[in-house]
Protein backbone atom coordinates (compact mmCIF):
# COMPACT_ATOMS: atom_id res chain seq x y z
CA MET A 1 0.00 0.00 0.00
CA GLY A 2 1.36 3.43 -0.95
CA ILE A 3 2.05 6.10 1.65
CA GLU A 4 -0.50 8.44 0.07
CA THR A 5 -3.29 5.84 0.32
CA LEU A 6 -2.29 4.91 3.87
CA SER A 7 -2.22 8.58 4.93
CA LEU A 8 -5.70 9.12 3.51
CA ILE A 9 -7.04 6.07 5.37
CA LEU A 10 -5.54 7.25 8.67
CA VAL A 11 -6.99 10.77 8.25
CA VAL A 12 -10.42 9.30 7.53
CA VAL A 13 -10.17 7.04 10.60
CA LEU A 14 -9.12 9.95 12.83
CA PHE A 15 -11.83 12.37 11.79
CA GLY A 16 -14.37 9.56 11.64
CA CYS A 17 -13.67 8.70 15.26
CA LEU A 18 -13.82 12.34 16.32
CA PHE A 19 -17.04 12.88 14.36
CA LEU A 20 -18.62 9.91 16.16
CA GLY A 21 -17.80 11.57 19.48
CA LEU A 22 -15.03 9.18 20.51
CA TRP A 23 -12.68 10.56 23.16
CA VAL A 24 -9.48 11.95 21.70
CA GLY A 25 -7.34 9.34 23.47
CA PHE A 26 -9.39 6.48 22.01
CA ALA A 27 -9.33 8.12 18.57
CA LEU A 28 -5.53 8.32 18.62
CA ILE A 29 -5.27 4.67 19.69
CA ALA A 30 -7.66 3.66 16.90
CA VAL A 31 -5.53 5.47 14.30
CA GLY A 32 -2.34 3.93 15.69
CA LEU A 33 -3.88 0.45 15.67
CA THR A 34 -5.03 0.92 12.05
CA ALA A 35 -1.54 2.03 11.05
CA MET A 36 0.09 -0.93 12.80
CA VAL A 37 -2.25 -3.45 11.17
CA LEU A 38 -1.90 -2.00 7.67
CA ALA A 39 1.81 -1.14 7.64
CA THR A 40 3.65 -3.68 9.76
CA GLY A 41 3.55 -7.17 11.14
CA ALA A 42 4.69 -6.08 14.61
CA PRO A 43 2.33 -7.07 17.48
CA PRO A 44 0.22 -3.96 18.27
CA GLY A 45 -0.49 -5.05 21.86
CA ALA A 46 3.15 -5.38 22.84
CA VAL A 47 4.09 -2.15 21.09
CA PHE A 48 1.22 -0.31 22.79
CA ALA A 49 2.13 -1.53 26.28
CA THR A 50 5.84 -0.78 25.89
CA LYS A 51 5.42 2.64 24.32
CA VAL A 52 2.68 3.89 26.65
CA TRP A 53 4.64 2.85 29.74
CA GLY A 54 7.75 4.57 28.43
CA ALA A 55 5.84 7.75 27.52
CA LEU A 56 4.09 8.11 30.87
CA ASN A 57 6.98 6.95 33.06
CA VAL A 58 8.66 10.36 32.75
CA TRP A 59 9.71 12.29 35.84
CA ASP A 60 8.96 15.70 34.32
CA LEU A 61 5.30 14.74 33.95
CA THR A 62 4.90 14.55 37.74
CA ALA A 63 4.76 18.35 37.72
CA LEU A 64 1.57 18.15 35.67
CA PRO A 65 -0.94 16.96 38.32
CA MET A 66 0.58 19.27 40.94
CA PHE A 67 0.21 22.41 38.83
CA ILE A 68 -3.31 21.33 37.89
CA TRP A 69 -4.15 20.82 41.56
CA MET A 70 -2.71 24.23 42.43
CA GLY A 71 -4.96 25.82 39.81
CA GLU A 72 -7.99 23.95 41.18
CA ILE A 73 -7.29 25.19 44.71
CA LEU A 74 -7.01 28.80 43.58
CA PHE A 75 -10.04 28.46 41.31
CA ARG A 76 -12.24 27.41 44.25
CA SER A 77 -10.83 29.81 46.86
CA ARG A 78 -11.35 33.53 47.67
CA LEU A 79 -8.09 34.41 45.95
CA SER A 80 -9.80 35.14 42.62
CA SER A 81 -12.28 37.64 44.07
CA ASP A 82 -9.49 39.32 46.02
CA MET A 83 -7.58 39.61 42.75
CA PHE A 84 -10.37 41.63 41.09
CA THR A 85 -10.73 43.92 44.10
CA GLY A 86 -6.97 44.39 44.19
CA LEU A 87 -6.56 45.19 40.49
CA ALA A 88 -9.55 47.53 40.06
CA PRO A 89 -8.07 50.70 41.71
CA PHE A 90 -4.96 50.49 39.50
CA THR A 91 -6.86 50.19 36.21
CA ARG A 92 -10.01 52.32 36.49
CA ARG A 93 -8.31 55.54 35.29
CA LEU A 94 -6.59 53.94 32.29
CA PRO A 95 -8.20 54.25 28.83
CA GLY A 96 -10.44 51.19 28.83
CA GLY A 97 -10.87 51.29 32.59
CA LEU A 98 -11.78 48.03 34.30
CA LEU A 99 -11.57 46.11 31.02
CA HIS A 100 -7.88 45.87 31.85
CA VAL A 101 -8.79 43.75 34.89
CA ASN A 102 -9.60 40.97 32.42
CA ILE A 103 -6.14 41.21 30.87
CA LEU A 104 -4.09 41.73 34.04
CA GLY A 105 -6.19 39.28 36.04
CA CYS A 106 -5.75 36.56 33.41
CA ALA A 107 -2.00 37.23 33.21
CA LEU A 108 -1.66 37.05 36.98
CA PHE A 109 -3.85 33.97 37.39
CA ALA A 110 -2.11 32.22 34.48
CA ALA A 111 1.15 32.60 36.40
CA VAL A 112 -0.25 30.40 39.19
CA SER A 113 -2.59 28.16 37.22
CA GLY A 114 -1.19 26.97 33.89
CA SER A 115 -4.65 26.24 32.48
CA SER A 116 -6.40 28.36 29.88
CA ALA A 117 -9.91 27.15 30.70
CA ALA A 118 -9.40 27.60 34.46
CA THR A 119 -8.03 31.11 33.89
CA THR A 120 -11.01 32.08 31.73
CA ALA A 121 -13.56 30.61 34.13
CA THR A 122 -12.02 32.12 37.26
CA ILE A 123 -11.58 35.65 35.95
CA GLY A 124 -14.85 35.55 34.01
CA ARG A 125 -16.99 34.64 36.99
CA MET A 126 -15.68 37.55 39.01
CA SER A 127 -15.21 40.23 36.32
CA LEU A 128 -18.11 39.93 33.86
CA PRO A 129 -20.95 40.56 36.36
CA GLU A 130 -19.08 43.55 37.79
CA LEU A 131 -18.30 45.00 34.34
CA GLU A 132 -21.92 44.61 33.27
CA ARG A 133 -23.15 46.28 36.46
CA ARG A 134 -20.87 49.28 35.81
CA GLY A 135 -22.11 49.72 32.24
CA TYR A 136 -19.17 48.42 30.21
CA ASP A 137 -19.72 47.20 26.65
CA MET A 138 -20.22 43.46 27.09
CA ARG A 139 -19.00 42.64 23.60
CA MET A 140 -15.58 44.05 24.44
CA ALA A 141 -15.68 42.63 27.99
CA ILE A 142 -16.37 39.10 26.73
CA GLY A 143 -13.97 39.39 23.79
CA SER A 144 -11.08 40.64 25.92
CA LEU A 145 -11.68 37.86 28.43
CA ALA A 146 -11.80 35.18 25.71
CA GLY A 147 -8.49 36.39 24.31
CA SER A 148 -6.77 36.97 27.65
CA GLY A 149 -7.83 33.58 28.95
CA THR A 150 -5.40 32.01 26.50
CA PHE A 151 -2.52 33.35 28.65
CA GLY A 152 -2.89 30.17 30.71
CA PHE A 153 -1.20 28.25 27.89
CA LEU A 154 1.82 30.53 27.53
CA ILE A 155 2.69 32.24 30.80
CA PRO A 156 4.49 29.71 33.02
CA PRO A 157 3.80 27.41 34.73
CA SER A 158 2.07 26.29 31.53
CA ILE A 159 0.56 22.81 31.44
CA ILE A 160 0.87 22.64 27.67
CA LEU A 161 4.57 23.58 27.79
CA ILE A 162 5.09 20.69 30.22
CA VAL A 163 3.35 18.36 27.77
CA TYR A 164 5.44 19.67 24.86
CA GLY A 165 8.65 19.38 26.86
CA ALA A 166 7.89 15.79 27.86
CA ALA A 167 6.92 14.83 24.30
CA THR A 168 10.04 16.37 22.72
CA GLU A 169 12.51 15.80 25.58
CA GLN A 170 13.19 19.53 25.92
CA SER A 171 14.05 21.33 29.16
CA ILE A 172 10.85 22.45 30.87
CA ALA A 173 12.75 25.16 32.75
CA ARG A 174 13.97 26.59 29.42
CA LEU A 175 10.47 26.41 27.97
CA PHE A 176 9.06 28.24 30.99
CA LEU A 177 11.66 30.98 30.60
CA ALA A 178 10.98 31.21 26.87
CA GLY A 179 7.27 31.79 27.53
CA ILE A 180 7.68 34.81 29.83
CA LEU A 181 8.52 37.64 27.41
CA PRO A 182 6.08 36.52 24.67
CA GLY A 183 3.37 36.26 27.33
CA LEU A 184 4.07 39.78 28.59
CA MET A 185 4.27 41.07 25.02
CA LEU A 186 0.86 39.57 24.27
CA ALA A 187 -0.63 41.16 27.40
CA VAL A 188 0.74 44.56 26.34
CA MET A 189 -0.68 44.12 22.83
CA PHE A 190 -4.12 43.24 24.22
CA ALA A 191 -4.03 46.19 26.62
CA GLY A 192 -2.94 48.52 23.83
CA TYR A 193 -5.84 47.40 21.66
CA VAL A 194 -8.32 47.95 24.51
CA MET A 195 -6.94 51.46 25.06
CA ILE A 196 -7.21 52.37 21.36
CA TRP A 197 -10.71 50.88 21.10
CA SER A 198 -11.93 52.75 24.18
CA MET A 199 -10.63 56.08 22.87
CA LEU A 200 -12.32 55.50 19.51
CA ASN A 201 -15.59 54.36 21.10
CA ARG A 202 -16.12 56.74 24.00
CA ASP A 203 -19.88 56.46 23.59
CA ARG A 204 -19.69 52.76 24.48
CA MET A 205 -17.68 53.37 27.66
CA PRO A 206 -19.17 54.24 31.07
CA ALA A 207 -18.45 57.56 32.75
CA PRO A 208 -14.95 57.79 34.26
CA GLU A 209 -14.75 56.67 37.87
CA PRO A 210 -13.17 58.80 40.60
CA THR A 211 -9.44 58.55 41.10
CA PRO A 212 -8.69 56.08 43.91
CA SER A 213 -6.99 57.40 47.02
CA TRP A 214 -3.57 56.18 48.08
CA ALA A 215 -5.19 54.41 51.04
CA GLU A 216 -7.49 52.54 48.66
CA ARG A 217 -4.56 51.58 46.47
CA GLY A 218 -2.66 50.37 49.51
CA ARG A 219 -5.53 48.14 50.63
CA ALA A 220 -5.82 46.81 47.08
CA ALA A 221 -2.11 46.03 46.94
CA MET A 222 -2.40 44.02 50.14
CA LEU A 223 -5.07 41.85 48.52
CA LEU A 224 -2.71 41.11 45.64
CA LEU A 225 0.20 40.12 47.87
CA PRO A 226 -0.80 36.43 48.30
CA THR A 227 -0.96 35.91 44.52
CA VAL A 228 2.31 37.75 43.95
CA PHE A 229 3.94 35.73 46.73
CA LEU A 230 2.78 32.48 45.12
CA VAL A 231 4.10 33.53 41.70
CA ILE A 232 7.49 34.40 43.20
CA ALA A 233 7.60 31.16 45.20
CA VAL A 234 6.80 28.94 42.21
CA ILE A 235 8.52 30.66 39.29
CA GLY A 236 11.32 32.25 41.32
CA SER A 237 12.38 28.93 42.84
CA ILE A 238 12.84 27.47 39.35
CA TYR A 239 14.79 30.37 37.91
CA ALA A 240 16.93 30.78 41.02
CA GLY A 241 17.98 27.14 40.71
CA LEU A 242 16.44 26.25 44.07
CA ALA A 243 13.91 23.79 42.70
CA SER A 244 13.12 21.77 39.59
CA PRO A 245 9.75 22.38 37.91
CA THR A 246 8.37 19.32 39.71
CA GLU A 247 9.60 20.51 43.11
CA ALA A 248 8.30 24.01 42.39
CA ALA A 249 4.87 22.52 41.65
CA VAL A 250 4.84 20.98 45.13
CA VAL A 251 5.84 24.37 46.58
CA GLY A 252 2.93 25.91 44.66
CA VAL A 253 0.40 23.41 46.00
CA ALA A 254 1.63 23.92 49.56
CA GLY A 255 1.45 27.69 49.14
CA ALA A 256 -2.02 27.56 47.59
CA LEU A 257 -3.30 25.34 50.40
CA ALA A 258 -1.81 27.66 53.02
CA ILE A 259 -3.22 30.83 51.43
CA SER A 260 -6.66 29.30 50.92
CA GLY A 261 -6.71 27.94 54.46
CA LEU A 262 -5.68 31.25 56.02
CA SER A 263 -8.24 33.18 53.97
CA GLY A 264 -11.01 30.88 55.11
CA GLY A 265 -11.80 29.68 51.61
CA LEU A 266 -10.78 26.03 52.02
CA GLY A 267 -13.23 23.68 53.70
CA TRP A 268 -13.23 19.89 53.66
CA GLN A 269 -15.71 19.70 50.79
CA THR A 270 -13.74 22.26 48.77
CA PHE A 271 -10.56 20.27 49.40
CA ARG A 272 -12.23 17.10 48.08
CA ASP A 273 -13.52 19.01 45.04
CA THR A 274 -10.02 20.27 44.22
CA LEU A 275 -8.61 16.74 44.39
CA GLY A 276 -11.41 15.37 42.22
CA GLY A 277 -11.07 18.12 39.61
CA ALA A 278 -7.29 17.73 39.45
CA ALA A 279 -7.54 13.94 39.15
CA MET A 280 -10.03 14.10 36.28
CA THR A 281 -8.05 16.70 34.33
CA THR A 282 -4.78 14.83 34.85
CA ALA A 283 -6.33 11.53 33.77
CA MET A 284 -7.73 13.15 30.62
CA ILE A 285 -4.34 14.60 29.64
CA ALA A 286 -2.50 11.37 30.50
CA PHE A 287 -4.88 9.35 28.36
CA ILE A 288 -4.34 11.68 25.40
CA LEU A 289 -0.58 11.37 25.91
CA ALA A 290 -0.88 7.57 25.99
CA GLY A 291 -2.80 7.52 22.72
CA ALA A 292 -0.41 9.99 21.12
CA SER A 293 2.66 7.98 22.16
CA PHE A 294 1.22 4.85 20.54
CA LEU A 295 0.33 6.80 17.41
CA THR A 296 3.86 8.23 17.29
CA VAL A 297 5.52 4.80 17.15
CA ALA A 298 2.88 3.53 14.73
CA MET A 299 3.58 6.47 12.42
CA GLY A 300 7.26 5.59 12.61
CA TYR A 301 6.46 2.12 11.26
CA THR A 302 4.48 3.60 8.37
CA GLY A 303 7.28 5.93 7.28
CA ILE A 304 4.83 8.82 6.83
CA PRO A 305 6.78 11.35 8.99
CA ARG A 306 10.00 10.63 7.09
CA ALA A 307 8.25 10.92 3.74
CA LEU A 308 6.53 14.15 4.76
CA ALA A 309 9.76 15.66 6.05
CA ALA A 310 11.54 14.66 2.84
CA TRP A 311 8.74 16.17 0.74
CA ILE A 312 8.92 19.44 2.68
CA GLY A 313 12.67 19.47 2.20
CA GLU A 314 12.29 18.96 -1.54
CA GLN A 315 10.03 22.01 -1.78
CA GLY A 316 12.89 24.23 -0.68
CA TYR A 317 10.71 26.21 1.75
CA SER A 318 12.44 28.93 3.72
CA GLN A 319 11.92 29.01 7.49
CA PHE A 320 9.32 31.76 7.17
CA ALA A 321 7.42 29.93 4.42
CA LEU A 322 7.40 26.75 6.51
CA LEU A 323 6.18 28.60 9.59
CA ALA A 324 3.48 30.36 7.57
CA ALA A 325 2.28 27.02 6.20
CA LEU A 326 2.28 25.50 9.69
CA LEU A 327 0.34 28.52 11.00
CA VAL A 328 -2.48 27.85 8.54
CA PHE A 329 -2.31 24.11 9.26
CA PHE A 330 -2.61 24.59 13.03
CA ILE A 331 -5.41 27.16 12.72
CA VAL A 332 -7.42 24.64 10.67
CA LEU A 333 -6.72 21.89 13.22
CA GLY A 334 -7.86 24.28 15.96
CA PHE A 335 -11.35 24.25 14.48
CA PHE A 336 -11.65 20.57 15.42
CA LEU A 337 -9.22 19.77 18.26
CA ASP A 338 -8.27 21.23 21.64
CA GLY A 339 -4.79 22.59 22.29
CA ILE A 340 -3.22 19.63 24.10
CA SER A 341 -4.54 17.21 21.48
CA ILE A 342 -3.01 19.33 18.71
CA VAL A 343 0.39 19.33 20.41
CA VAL A 344 0.60 15.61 21.14
CA LEU A 345 -0.92 14.61 17.81
CA THR A 346 1.36 16.67 15.56
CA THR A 347 4.67 16.86 17.41
CA SER A 348 6.06 13.54 16.13
CA VAL A 349 5.30 14.47 12.52
CA ILE A 350 6.15 18.18 12.58
CA LEU A 351 9.26 18.29 14.77
CA PRO A 352 11.63 16.40 12.39
CA MET A 353 10.97 18.85 9.55
CA VAL A 354 11.24 21.79 11.96
CA LEU A 355 14.64 20.61 13.15
CA ALA A 356 15.70 19.95 9.55
CA ALA A 357 14.84 23.57 8.75
CA GLY A 358 17.20 24.74 11.50
CA ILE A 359 14.48 26.00 13.85
CA ASP A 360 15.25 25.96 17.58
CA PRO A 361 12.95 23.43 19.36
CA ILE A 362 12.59 25.69 22.42
CA TRP A 363 11.49 28.60 20.22
CA PHE A 364 9.18 26.30 18.29
CA GLY A 365 7.52 25.28 21.56
CA VAL A 366 6.56 28.92 22.19
CA TYR A 367 5.46 29.35 18.56
CA LEU A 368 3.34 26.21 18.84
CA VAL A 369 1.70 27.37 22.07
CA LEU A 370 0.89 30.77 20.53
CA VAL A 371 -0.75 29.08 17.56
CA VAL A 372 -2.55 26.59 19.79
CA GLU A 373 -3.89 29.50 21.86
CA MET A 374 -5.88 30.48 18.78
CA SER A 375 -7.72 27.15 18.94
CA GLN A 376 -9.14 28.17 22.32
CA ILE A 377 -11.20 30.95 20.70
CA THR A 378 -12.10 29.40 17.33
CA PRO A 379 -15.42 27.57 16.94
CA PRO A 380 -16.70 24.92 17.10
CA VAL A 381 -14.26 23.35 19.62
CA GLY A 382 -12.76 26.43 21.34
CA PHE A 383 -12.67 25.59 25.06
CA ASN A 384 -12.69 29.25 26.13
CA LEU A 385 -15.83 29.75 24.05
CA PHE A 386 -17.56 26.90 25.90
CA VAL A 387 -16.50 28.35 29.26
CA LEU A 388 -17.84 31.81 28.37
CA GLN A 389 -21.02 30.33 26.95
CA SER A 390 -21.71 28.70 30.32
CA ILE A 391 -21.04 32.01 32.12
CA THR A 392 -22.88 34.41 29.78
CA GLY A 393 -25.50 32.24 28.07
CA ARG A 394 -24.50 33.66 24.67
CA GLY A 395 -23.86 31.56 21.55
CA ILE A 396 -20.41 30.17 20.75
CA PHE A 397 -20.24 31.85 17.33
CA GLN A 398 -21.38 35.13 18.86
CA ILE A 399 -18.59 34.96 21.46
CA ALA A 400 -16.10 33.98 18.73
CA GLY A 401 -17.09 37.19 16.89
CA TYR A 402 -16.35 39.24 20.00
CA ALA A 403 -12.94 37.52 20.29
CA LEU A 404 -11.97 37.99 16.61
CA PRO A 405 -9.78 41.12 17.18
CA PHE A 406 -7.82 39.24 19.84
CA PHE A 407 -7.45 36.25 17.51
CA LEU A 408 -5.88 38.61 14.96
CA ILE A 409 -3.57 40.00 17.67
CA LEU A 410 -2.45 36.42 18.39
CA VAL A 411 -1.62 36.05 14.69
CA ALA A 412 0.37 39.32 14.84
CA ALA A 413 2.22 38.13 17.96
CA THR A 414 3.14 34.89 16.18
CA ALA A 415 4.51 36.92 13.28
CA LEU A 416 6.53 39.10 15.68
CA ILE A 417 8.28 36.19 17.41
CA SER A 418 8.94 34.68 13.97
CA LEU A 419 10.64 37.88 12.83
CA PHE A 420 12.39 38.41 16.18
CA PRO A 421 13.01 34.95 17.72
CA GLU A 422 15.10 36.49 20.51
CA ILE A 423 11.84 37.59 22.14
CA ALA A 424 11.50 33.94 23.20
CA LEU A 425 15.14 32.84 23.28
CA TRP A 426 16.88 35.74 25.05
CA LEU A 427 15.72 34.94 28.57
CA PRO A 428 16.57 31.19 28.61
CA SER A 429 19.92 31.80 26.91
CA THR A 430 20.77 34.57 29.40
CA MET A 431 19.56 33.11 32.69
CA LEU A 432 20.50 29.47 32.15
CA ALA A 433 23.91 30.36 30.70
CA ARG A 434 25.07 31.60 34.08
């Protein structure tokens, strides 16, 4: 059987399984099993058991459930409401006013969560009712939240960067460092757009609020201290060389439990809910990783990745042309798959041609996360759209329309780091070279 025919069969099997509503992990296993049966005489059962055990028996992956648990604790505690109260006095006099709470709140919560959906849900539940009560344009409020919620994928500790690092055997500490400046750049770009929009649409903005007093700002800053302390404890311990990402995740859980307990937001039932939520999310990701690892080795037997990489090489694409083609490819995939599924499904096929083109794998991890962030706000499978639909009751395509300007900003940010790769690579090369 030719590679072209085999590739077509595997694509049909994959999208057929997804169309039938099969879980992504099962769909990946089904594609891998089909590839093994059609392309090789190797025993699929033995290959599956060996590869899945090897893929999941990775020390770096132990950071995954801990960071997820930390996000669950913060999601269910009073810390999120304190964050809104703390940020409001510092943003109300800026052009755009309290709309910036969505952006800054998502950036701050992403730095202690690592999950895009959790970031969107947490900030959305506290900010959207308040913004609506104060007369802000809800289209911009929802759109800015949908876009800013994607920070959870990029700003460390990012769950998806951990998954990428484990799948490609790259340093998670380097990936975390590489995500900082692009994440801050994206936040600045979002804030700049909100400022420009608010100045051009003054009739859709509420009346300016009074300037907060220094005493009010001081009280607000005190409410932000626990979150800032947690960010410093988790991220600072990694970059100072005091802890590995896994050890820092444990520090984060301990800090989150302590802060939630002291604030009175952690009861026994809440504690059980955080464990249950973390266990379910971790199991879902682990199952996708298991399916993807089996598919990776099955694809190796078929020879499709080698043939694809060779075909790309024969086209003589420059780095920019390759990245532009991959951008379109990932955007299309984002219409049908969630971010983690995209990463684990495509890494084994895409990475060889990326390395052959001379692209740094650490930089490509940041590029991939930026592109995958777009899938969070593209229908019909954008997770952030589902989260906001549950909060606002509005349609997914309606919310996607509100988020379109921020989708385009994500595309612009991807172009910027492609033109200036040092935005992602300067920090890891500087700090870890010491």
